[in-house]
Amino acid sequence: MLHRPSFRLLSTLLLTALPVAALQAQNAAPAATGIDCHHPFGLTDNNERVYRLTDAAGKPTGELRMRVVSLSSEMNKKKTVETHLVLLKSGLYDAKSRLLNMQDLTISCRQDTSFVDGMSELKPESLRSFRDRKLVYAPVALAWPHQPTVGSTLPTGGSEVQVSSSVVDIAKVRSFSRQRKVVSGPAPVTTPAGTFSCYKVESEHEDATQARKDMVMRTTYKVVDYYSPSVGIVKTEVYDKKGKLAQTRMLATINSGQKQ
């Protein structure tokens, strides 16, 4: 059985502390100056990033570790647009550094936008009850523009999984980030990995399992991402149904992966 899910990622993700002078300049100008599409979010060969996960009280609950496996590029059929690709190995660990889930994710970049694998939205536990079943994935990448505009909306992204046996369809499992809106920025955000110039992006996240057309178990909650065009996702806040902070994911370390 194919295993791909993980906690947000992002989606979710990512890199490079900006010098103070550059940070100040970006507060007064678009933050996309000098974006290198050959290395989406500044990711280079064997680069590793670690995100620290904490609960509402700030207590550590685990880590999300992402390492670059390969870099590549491809042209469209008309040979007019080049897309640069980064393959990541993403591992979710608990507070005792025990591996909970491992998956491959792809980040791509073309023209003025980077795209994060929609599978980063799917939580591992959402498929736990469907072990030994056939899983067919249909991810939709999350678009992250290099020059966000405050007040603009971003496309929906996430993934859908068709669960079936050898003879019948069993369920559809969906996890999507919707109503994504750039609400402010750029502004400095400080993490253990450094200070980054970020845009604040709010969205509604929906997790759903549909056994029949008339039977859907659905959960929705608010997510706030702090996004740097040159780094990716620097910090993520997840809020529960009552609007209270439930979990935080923060960029903790950046390892270049280069041999000394």
C-alpha atoms as a PDB file:
ATOM      1  CA  MET A   1       0.000   0.000   0.000  1.00  0.00           C
ATOM      2  CA  LEU A   2       1.222   3.472  -0.880  1.00  0.00           C
ATOM      3  CA  HIS A   3       1.842   5.829   2.035  1.00  0.00           C
ATOM      4  CA  ARG A   4       2.093   9.560   1.346  1.00  0.00           C
ATOM      5  CA  PRO A   5       0.245  11.708   3.967  1.00  0.00           C
ATOM      6  CA  SER A   6       1.641  14.085   6.645  1.00  0.00           C
ATOM      7  CA  PHE A   7       0.760  17.125   8.684  1.00  0.00           C
ATOM      8  CA  ARG A   8       0.640  20.330   6.883  1.00  0.00           C
ATOM      9  CA  LEU A   9       3.433  21.199   5.368  1.00  0.00           C
ATOM     10  CA  LEU A  10       3.742  22.571   3.367  1.00  0.00           C
ATOM     11  CA  SER A  11       2.441  22.066   1.981  1.00  0.00           C
ATOM     12  CA  THR A  12       4.153  22.998   3.693  1.00  0.00           C
ATOM     13  CA  LEU A  13       7.859  24.714   4.267  1.00  0.00           C
ATOM     14  CA  LEU A  14      10.827  26.802   4.278  1.00  0.00           C
ATOM     15  CA  LEU A  15      14.553  28.533   4.066  1.00  0.00           C
ATOM     16  CA  THR A  16      17.219  31.166   4.351  1.00  0.00           C
ATOM     17  CA  ALA A  17      17.518  33.898   6.923  1.00  0.00           C
ATOM     18  CA  LEU A  18      17.651  37.364   5.388  1.00  0.00           C
ATOM     19  CA  PRO A  19      20.254  39.945   6.370  1.00  0.00           C
ATOM     20  CA  VAL A  20      18.894  42.810   8.451  1.00  0.00           C
ATOM     21  CA  ALA A  21      19.431  45.336   5.647  1.00  0.00           C
ATOM     22  CA  ALA A  22      17.563  43.169   3.155  1.00  0.00           C
ATOM     23  CA  LEU A  23      14.780  42.622   5.680  1.00  0.00           C
ATOM     24  CA  GLN A  24      14.324  46.361   6.168  1.00  0.00           C
ATOM     25  CA  ALA A  25      14.282  46.906   2.414  1.00  0.00           C
ATOM     26  CA  GLN A  26      11.628  44.251   1.943  1.00  0.00           C
ATOM     27  CA  ASN A  27       9.345  45.972   4.446  1.00  0.00           C
ATOM     28  CA  ALA A  28       9.143  48.889   2.016  1.00  0.00           C
ATOM     29  CA  ALA A  29       9.230  46.958  -1.282  1.00  0.00           C
ATOM     30  CA  PRO A  30       7.963  43.685  -2.806  1.00  0.00           C
ATOM     31  CA  ALA A  31       9.577  40.701  -1.088  1.00  0.00           C
ATOM     32  CA  ALA A  32      10.264  38.775  -4.295  1.00  0.00           C
ATOM     33  CA  THR A  33      13.386  40.617  -5.434  1.00  0.00           C
ATOM     34  CA  GLY A  34      16.063  38.125  -6.422  1.00  0.00           C
ATOM     35  CA  ILE A  35      13.853  34.992  -6.222  1.00  0.00           C
ATOM     36  CA  ASP A  36      15.722  32.091  -7.832  1.00  0.00           C
ATOM     37  CA  CYS A  37      13.211  29.769  -9.476  1.00  0.00           C
ATOM     38  CA  HIS A  38      15.975  27.216 -10.049  1.00  0.00           C
ATOM     39  CA  HIS A  39      15.920  26.690  -6.261  1.00  0.00           C
ATOM     40  CA  PRO A  40      12.326  27.127  -5.012  1.00  0.00           C
ATOM     41  CA  PHE A  41      12.292  28.650  -1.512  1.00  0.00           C
ATOM     42  CA  GLY A  42      16.090  28.653  -1.617  1.00  0.00           C
ATOM     43  CA  LEU A  43      16.252  24.844  -1.420  1.00  0.00           C
ATOM     44  CA  THR A  44      19.563  23.400  -2.567  1.00  0.00           C
ATOM     45  CA  ASP A  45      20.934  19.886  -2.874  1.00  0.00           C
ATOM     46  CA  ASN A  46      20.746  17.943   0.424  1.00  0.00           C
ATOM     47  CA  ASN A  47      19.370  20.987   2.275  1.00  0.00           C
ATOM     48  CA  GLU A  48      17.443  20.130   5.450  1.00  0.00           C
ATOM     49  CA  ARG A  49      14.866  22.093   7.426  1.00  0.00           C
ATOM     50  CA  VAL A  50      13.392  21.272  10.783  1.00  0.00           C
ATOM     51  CA  TYR A  51      10.067  22.603  12.068  1.00  0.00           C
ATOM     52  CA  ARG A  52       9.252  22.532  15.775  1.00  0.00           C
ATOM     53  CA  LEU A  53       5.679  21.558  16.683  1.00  0.00           C
ATOM     54  CA  THR A  54       4.109  22.871  19.912  1.00  0.00           C
ATOM     55  CA  ASP A  55       0.639  22.713  21.466  1.00  0.00           C
ATOM     56  CA  ALA A  56      -1.523  25.596  22.690  1.00  0.00           C
ATOM     57  CA  ALA A  57       0.535  25.892  25.887  1.00  0.00           C
ATOM     58  CA  GLY A  58       3.822  25.993  23.972  1.00  0.00           C
ATOM     59  CA  LYS A  59       4.781  22.444  24.974  1.00  0.00           C
ATOM     60  CA  PRO A  60       6.832  20.568  22.322  1.00  0.00           C
ATOM     61  CA  THR A  61       4.836  17.830  20.582  1.00  0.00           C
ATOM     62  CA  GLY A  62       7.252  16.793  17.857  1.00  0.00           C
ATOM     63  CA  GLU A  63       9.150  17.838  14.764  1.00  0.00           C
ATOM     64  CA  LEU A  64       8.720  17.924  11.021  1.00  0.00           C
ATOM     65  CA  ARG A  65      12.000  17.272   9.190  1.00  0.00           C
ATOM     66  CA  MET A  66      12.404  17.863   5.474  1.00  0.00           C
ATOM     67  CA  ARG A  67      15.477  17.020   3.394  1.00  0.00           C
ATOM     68  CA  VAL A  68      16.133  17.691  -0.290  1.00  0.00           C
ATOM     69  CA  VAL A  69      16.600  14.434  -2.202  1.00  0.00           C
ATOM     70  CA  SER A  70      16.962  15.741  -5.750  1.00  0.00           C
ATOM     71  CA  LEU A  71      16.691  18.789  -8.012  1.00  0.00           C
ATOM     72  CA  SER A  72      15.454  18.675 -11.603  1.00  0.00           C
ATOM     73  CA  SER A  73      13.676  20.659 -14.310  1.00  0.00           C
ATOM     74  CA  GLU A  74      11.317  20.053 -17.210  1.00  0.00           C
ATOM     75  CA  MET A  75       9.924  21.975 -20.197  1.00  0.00           C
ATOM     76  CA  ASN A  76       6.333  22.108 -21.385  1.00  0.00           C
ATOM     77  CA  LYS A  77       5.439  20.554 -24.735  1.00  0.00           C
ATOM     78  CA  LYS A  78       5.886  23.839 -26.583  1.00  0.00           C
ATOM     79  CA  LYS A  79       9.310  24.357 -24.983  1.00  0.00           C
ATOM     80  CA  THR A  80       8.256  27.806 -23.781  1.00  0.00           C
ATOM     81  CA  VAL A  81       7.965  27.377 -19.997  1.00  0.00           C
ATOM     82  CA  GLU A  82      10.495  25.664 -17.733  1.00  0.00           C
ATOM     83  CA  THR A  83       9.464  24.193 -14.372  1.00  0.00           C
ATOM     84  CA  HIS A  84      12.038  23.551 -11.665  1.00  0.00           C
ATOM     85  CA  LEU A  85      11.360  20.691  -9.243  1.00  0.00           C
ATOM     86  CA  VAL A  86      12.580  19.796  -5.759  1.00  0.00           C
ATOM     87  CA  LEU A  87      11.915  16.335  -4.309  1.00  0.00           C
ATOM     88  CA  LEU A  88      11.758  16.299  -0.505  1.00  0.00           C
ATOM     89  CA  LYS A  89      11.760  13.490   2.017  1.00  0.00           C
ATOM     90  CA  SER A  90       9.419  14.617   4.800  1.00  0.00           C
ATOM     91  CA  GLY A  91       9.359  12.918   8.198  1.00  0.00           C
ATOM     92  CA  LEU A  92       6.955  13.591  11.083  1.00  0.00           C
ATOM     93  CA  TYR A  93       8.335  12.736  14.560  1.00  0.00           C
ATOM     94  CA  ASP A  94       6.785  12.760  18.028  1.00  0.00           C
ATOM     95  CA  ALA A  95       8.222  14.494  21.103  1.00  0.00           C
ATOM     96  CA  LYS A  96      10.537  11.508  21.714  1.00  0.00           C
ATOM     97  CA  SER A  97      11.903  11.607  18.136  1.00  0.00           C
ATOM     98  CA  ARG A  98      10.010   8.485  17.097  1.00  0.00           C
ATOM     99  CA  LEU A  99       9.036   8.441  13.427  1.00  0.00           C
ATOM    100  CA  LEU A 100       5.268   8.703  12.915  1.00  0.00           C
ATOM    101  CA  ASN A 101       5.080   9.131   9.155  1.00  0.00           C
ATOM    102  CA  MET A 102       7.385   9.436   6.160  1.00  0.00           C
ATOM    103  CA  GLN A 103       6.471  10.665   2.687  1.00  0.00           C
ATOM    104  CA  ASP A 104       7.871  12.203  -0.491  1.00  0.00           C
ATOM    105  CA  LEU A 105       6.769  15.729  -1.392  1.00  0.00           C
ATOM    106  CA  THR A 106       7.450  17.853  -4.448  1.00  0.00           C
ATOM    107  CA  ILE A 107       7.938  21.609  -4.571  1.00  0.00           C
ATOM    108  CA  SER A 108       8.018  23.262  -7.983  1.00  0.00           C
ATOM    109  CA  CYS A 109       8.604  26.729  -9.407  1.00  0.00           C
ATOM    110  CA  ARG A 110       7.722  28.284 -12.741  1.00  0.00           C
ATOM    111  CA  GLN A 111       7.631  31.891 -13.815  1.00  0.00           C
ATOM    112  CA  ASP A 112       6.468  33.963 -10.811  1.00  0.00           C
ATOM    113  CA  THR A 113       4.992  31.264  -8.549  1.00  0.00           C
ATOM    114  CA  SER A 114       6.141  28.341  -6.395  1.00  0.00           C
ATOM    115  CA  PHE A 115       3.898  25.332  -5.746  1.00  0.00           C
ATOM    116  CA  VAL A 116       3.788  23.073  -2.676  1.00  0.00           C
ATOM    117  CA  ASP A 117       2.633  19.458  -2.986  1.00  0.00           C
ATOM    118  CA  GLY A 118      -1.057  19.128  -2.039  1.00  0.00           C
ATOM    119  CA  MET A 119      -0.240  15.939  -0.133  1.00  0.00           C
ATOM    120  CA  SER A 120       1.320  18.125   2.559  1.00  0.00           C
ATOM    121  CA  GLU A 121      -2.238  18.964   3.679  1.00  0.00           C
ATOM    122  CA  LEU A 122      -3.246  15.381   4.460  1.00  0.00           C
ATOM    123  CA  LYS A 123      -2.876  14.161   8.046  1.00  0.00           C
ATOM    124  CA  PRO A 124      -1.487  10.625   8.590  1.00  0.00           C
ATOM    125  CA  GLU A 125      -4.301   9.677  10.968  1.00  0.00           C
ATOM    126  CA  SER A 126      -6.991  10.344   8.347  1.00  0.00           C
ATOM    127  CA  LEU A 127      -6.078   7.112   6.521  1.00  0.00           C
ATOM    128  CA  ARG A 128      -5.173   4.977   9.500  1.00  0.00           C
ATOM    129  CA  SER A 129      -8.487   3.093   9.470  1.00  0.00           C
ATOM    130  CA  PHE A 130      -8.003   2.194   5.795  1.00  0.00           C
ATOM    131  CA  ARG A 131      -4.846   0.111   6.035  1.00  0.00           C
ATOM    132  CA  ASP A 132      -4.388  -2.605   3.425  1.00  0.00           C
ATOM    133  CA  ARG A 133      -6.825  -0.859   1.086  1.00  0.00           C
ATOM    134  CA  LYS A 134      -6.162   0.507  -2.387  1.00  0.00           C
ATOM    135  CA  LEU A 135      -5.419   4.242  -2.247  1.00  0.00           C
ATOM    136  CA  VAL A 136      -5.508   6.520  -5.288  1.00  0.00           C
ATOM    137  CA  TYR A 137      -4.235  10.055  -4.679  1.00  0.00           C
ATOM    138  CA  ALA A 138      -5.334  13.235  -6.453  1.00  0.00           C
ATOM    139  CA  PRO A 139      -3.299  16.152  -5.074  1.00  0.00           C
ATOM    140  CA  VAL A 140      -3.783  19.811  -6.024  1.00  0.00           C
ATOM    141  CA  ALA A 141      -0.668  21.918  -5.411  1.00  0.00           C
ATOM    142  CA  LEU A 142      -0.857  25.071  -3.289  1.00  0.00           C
ATOM    143  CA  ALA A 143       0.278  28.138  -5.212  1.00  0.00           C
ATOM    144  CA  TRP A 144       2.540  30.669  -3.466  1.00  0.00           C
ATOM    145  CA  PRO A 145       3.222  33.800  -5.587  1.00  0.00           C
ATOM    146  CA  HIS A 146       6.640  35.428  -5.403  1.00  0.00           C
ATOM    147  CA  GLN A 147       5.041  38.866  -5.183  1.00  0.00           C
ATOM    148  CA  PRO A 148       1.905  38.541  -3.019  1.00  0.00           C
ATOM    149  CA  THR A 149      -0.577  41.400  -2.951  1.00  0.00           C
ATOM    150  CA  VAL A 150      -2.237  42.230   0.358  1.00  0.00           C
ATOM    151  CA  GLY A 151      -5.980  41.642   0.023  1.00  0.00           C
ATOM    152  CA  SER A 152      -5.626  39.084  -2.783  1.00  0.00           C
ATOM    153  CA  THR A 153      -6.949  35.529  -2.637  1.00  0.00           C
ATOM    154  CA  LEU A 154      -4.946  32.408  -3.473  1.00  0.00           C
ATOM    155  CA  PRO A 155      -6.231  29.221  -5.156  1.00  0.00           C
ATOM    156  CA  THR A 156      -7.520  26.234  -3.183  1.00  0.00           C
ATOM    157  CA  GLY A 157      -5.044  23.394  -2.699  1.00  0.00           C
ATOM    158  CA  GLY A 158      -4.880  20.028  -0.977  1.00  0.00           C
ATOM    159  CA  SER A 159      -5.567  16.397  -1.809  1.00  0.00           C
ATOM    160  CA  GLU A 160      -8.268  13.787  -2.256  1.00  0.00           C
ATOM    161  CA  VAL A 161      -7.771  10.067  -1.745  1.00  0.00           C
ATOM    162  CA  GLN A 162     -10.084   7.426  -3.198  1.00  0.00           C
ATOM    163  CA  VAL A 163     -10.144   4.404  -0.885  1.00  0.00           C
ATOM    164  CA  SER A 164     -11.313   1.098  -2.367  1.00  0.00           C
ATOM    165  CA  SER A 165     -11.073  -2.670  -2.129  1.00  0.00           C
ATOM    166  CA  SER A 166     -10.572  -5.016  -5.044  1.00  0.00           C
ATOM    167  CA  VAL A 167     -14.276  -4.862  -5.895  1.00  0.00           C
ATOM    168  CA  VAL A 168     -15.867  -1.706  -4.466  1.00  0.00           C
ATOM    169  CA  ASP A 169     -15.188   1.930  -3.607  1.00  0.00           C
ATOM    170  CA  ILE A 170     -15.142   2.485   0.149  1.00  0.00           C
ATOM    171  CA  ALA A 171     -14.673   6.200   0.805  1.00  0.00           C
ATOM    172  CA  LYS A 172     -13.149   9.485  -0.290  1.00  0.00           C
ATOM    173  CA  VAL A 173     -10.814  11.259   2.102  1.00  0.00           C
ATOM    174  CA  ARG A 174     -10.242  14.958   1.440  1.00  0.00           C
ATOM    175  CA  SER A 175      -8.038  17.602   3.009  1.00  0.00           C
ATOM    176  CA  PHE A 176      -8.027  21.078   1.447  1.00  0.00           C
ATOM    177  CA  SER A 177      -6.952  24.602   2.270  1.00  0.00           C
ATOM    178  CA  ARG A 178      -9.646  27.020   1.059  1.00  0.00           C
ATOM    179  CA  GLN A 179     -10.431  30.738   1.180  1.00  0.00           C
ATOM    180  CA  ARG A 180      -6.730  31.586   1.288  1.00  0.00           C
ATOM    181  CA  LYS A 181      -6.213  35.315   1.639  1.00  0.00           C
ATOM    182  CA  VAL A 182      -3.122  37.517   1.985  1.00  0.00           C
ATOM    183  CA  VAL A 183      -4.145  39.763   4.898  1.00  0.00           C
ATOM    184  CA  SER A 184      -0.957  41.741   5.652  1.00  0.00           C
ATOM    185  CA  GLY A 185       2.781  42.095   5.155  1.00  0.00           C
ATOM    186  CA  PRO A 186       5.589  41.997   4.585  1.00  0.00           C
ATOM    187  CA  ALA A 187       6.672  42.197   8.225  1.00  0.00           C
ATOM    188  CA  PRO A 188       9.516  40.582  10.202  1.00  0.00           C
ATOM    189  CA  VAL A 189       8.856  37.220  11.870  1.00  0.00           C
ATOM    190  CA  THR A 190      11.501  35.859  14.234  1.00  0.00           C
ATOM    191  CA  THR A 191      12.022  32.112  14.755  1.00  0.00           C
ATOM    192  CA  PRO A 192      14.895  30.023  16.160  1.00  0.00           C
ATOM    193  CA  ALA A 193      16.199  29.812  12.579  1.00  0.00           C
ATOM    194  CA  GLY A 194      16.390  33.585  12.130  1.00  0.00           C
ATOM    195  CA  THR A 195      14.300  36.624  11.208  1.00  0.00           C
ATOM    196  CA  PHE A 196      12.331  36.566   7.951  1.00  0.00           C
ATOM    197  CA  SER A 197      10.206  39.055   6.025  1.00  0.00           C
ATOM    198  CA  CYS A 198       6.782  37.424   5.776  1.00  0.00           C
ATOM    199  CA  TYR A 199       3.254  37.870   4.515  1.00  0.00           C
ATOM    200  CA  LYS A 200       0.398  36.752   6.747  1.00  0.00           C
ATOM    201  CA  VAL A 201      -1.967  34.375   4.923  1.00  0.00           C
ATOM    202  CA  GLU A 202      -5.213  33.176   6.513  1.00  0.00           C
ATOM    203  CA  SER A 203      -7.196  30.183   5.259  1.00  0.00           C
ATOM    204  CA  GLU A 204      -9.906  27.704   6.151  1.00  0.00           C
ATOM    205  CA  HIS A 205      -8.783  24.086   6.326  1.00  0.00           C
ATOM    206  CA  GLU A 206     -11.265  21.274   5.768  1.00  0.00           C
ATOM    207  CA  ASP A 207     -10.741  17.582   6.537  1.00  0.00           C
ATOM    208  CA  ALA A 208     -13.522  15.282   5.333  1.00  0.00           C
ATOM    209  CA  THR A 209     -14.263  11.580   4.963  1.00  0.00           C
ATOM    210  CA  GLN A 210     -17.154  10.686   2.667  1.00  0.00           C
ATOM    211  CA  ALA A 211     -18.481   7.126   2.803  1.00  0.00           C
ATOM    212  CA  ARG A 212     -21.597   7.952   0.754  1.00  0.00           C
ATOM    213  CA  LYS A 213     -22.978  11.041  -0.955  1.00  0.00           C
ATOM    214  CA  ASP A 214     -25.273  11.619   2.018  1.00  0.00           C
ATOM    215  CA  MET A 215     -22.706  10.697   4.698  1.00  0.00           C
ATOM    216  CA  VAL A 216     -19.772  13.056   5.211  1.00  0.00           C
ATOM    217  CA  MET A 217     -17.749  13.534   8.387  1.00  0.00           C
ATOM    218  CA  ARG A 218     -16.255  17.018   8.138  1.00  0.00           C
ATOM    219  CA  THR A 219     -13.991  19.185  10.304  1.00  0.00           C
ATOM    220  CA  THR A 220     -13.056  22.796   9.512  1.00  0.00           C
ATOM    221  CA  TYR A 221     -10.646  25.117  11.286  1.00  0.00           C
ATOM    222  CA  LYS A 222      -8.624  28.275  10.729  1.00  0.00           C
ATOM    223  CA  VAL A 223      -4.955  28.250   9.713  1.00  0.00           C
ATOM    224  CA  VAL A 224      -2.575  31.222   9.617  1.00  0.00           C
ATOM    225  CA  ASP A 225       0.668  30.929   7.628  1.00  0.00           C
ATOM    226  CA  TYR A 226       3.585  33.354   7.723  1.00  0.00           C
ATOM    227  CA  TYR A 227       5.063  33.138   4.247  1.00  0.00           C
ATOM    228  CA  SER A 228       8.395  34.371   2.913  1.00  0.00           C
ATOM    229  CA  PRO A 229       8.743  34.209  -0.908  1.00  0.00           C
ATOM    230  CA  SER A 230      12.456  33.376  -0.581  1.00  0.00           C
ATOM    231  CA  VAL A 231      12.021  30.850   2.265  1.00  0.00           C
ATOM    232  CA  GLY A 232       8.508  29.411   2.109  1.00  0.00           C
ATOM    233  CA  ILE A 233       6.390  28.838   5.203  1.00  0.00           C
ATOM    234  CA  VAL A 234       8.226  30.159   8.250  1.00  0.00           C
ATOM    235  CA  LYS A 235       5.482  29.716  10.838  1.00  0.00           C
ATOM    236  CA  THR A 236       2.015  28.145  10.927  1.00  0.00           C
ATOM    237  CA  GLU A 237      -0.708  28.604  13.549  1.00  0.00           C
ATOM    238  CA  VAL A 238      -3.680  26.222  13.717  1.00  0.00           C
ATOM    239  CA  TYR A 239      -6.849  27.309  15.537  1.00  0.00           C
ATOM    240  CA  ASP A 240      -9.668  25.066  16.788  1.00  0.00           C
ATOM    241  CA  LYS A 241     -13.405  25.450  16.151  1.00  0.00           C
ATOM    242  CA  LYS A 242     -13.682  27.978  18.975  1.00  0.00           C
ATOM    243  CA  GLY A 243     -10.941  30.145  17.502  1.00  0.00           C
ATOM    244  CA  LYS A 244      -8.349  29.237  20.121  1.00  0.00           C
ATOM    245  CA  LEU A 245      -4.747  28.452  19.197  1.00  0.00           C
ATOM    246  CA  ALA A 246      -4.322  24.658  19.079  1.00  0.00           C
ATOM    247  CA  GLN A 247      -0.921  24.096  17.472  1.00  0.00           C
ATOM    248  CA  THR A 248       2.085  26.014  16.161  1.00  0.00           C
ATOM    249  CA  ARG A 249       4.714  24.906  13.680  1.00  0.00           C
ATOM    250  CA  MET A 250       7.842  27.054  13.524  1.00  0.00           C
ATOM    251  CA  LEU A 251      11.017  26.859  11.473  1.00  0.00           C
ATOM    252  CA  ALA A 252      13.684  25.883  13.997  1.00  0.00           C
ATOM    253  CA  THR A 253      16.834  25.087  12.030  1.00  0.00           C
ATOM    254  CA  ILE A 254      18.187  25.268   8.493  1.00  0.00           C
ATOM    255  CA  ASN A 255      21.028  22.928   7.534  1.00  0.00           C
ATOM    256  CA  SER A 256      22.729  23.613   4.221  1.00  0.00           C
ATOM    257  CA  GLY A 257      23.693  19.972   3.767  1.00  0.00           C
ATOM    258  CA  GLN A 258      26.912  21.037   2.075  1.00  0.00           C
ATOM    259  CA  LYS A 259      30.056  19.109   2.891  1.00  0.00           C
ATOM    260  CA  GLN A 260      32.586  21.025   4.946  1.00  0.00           C
END
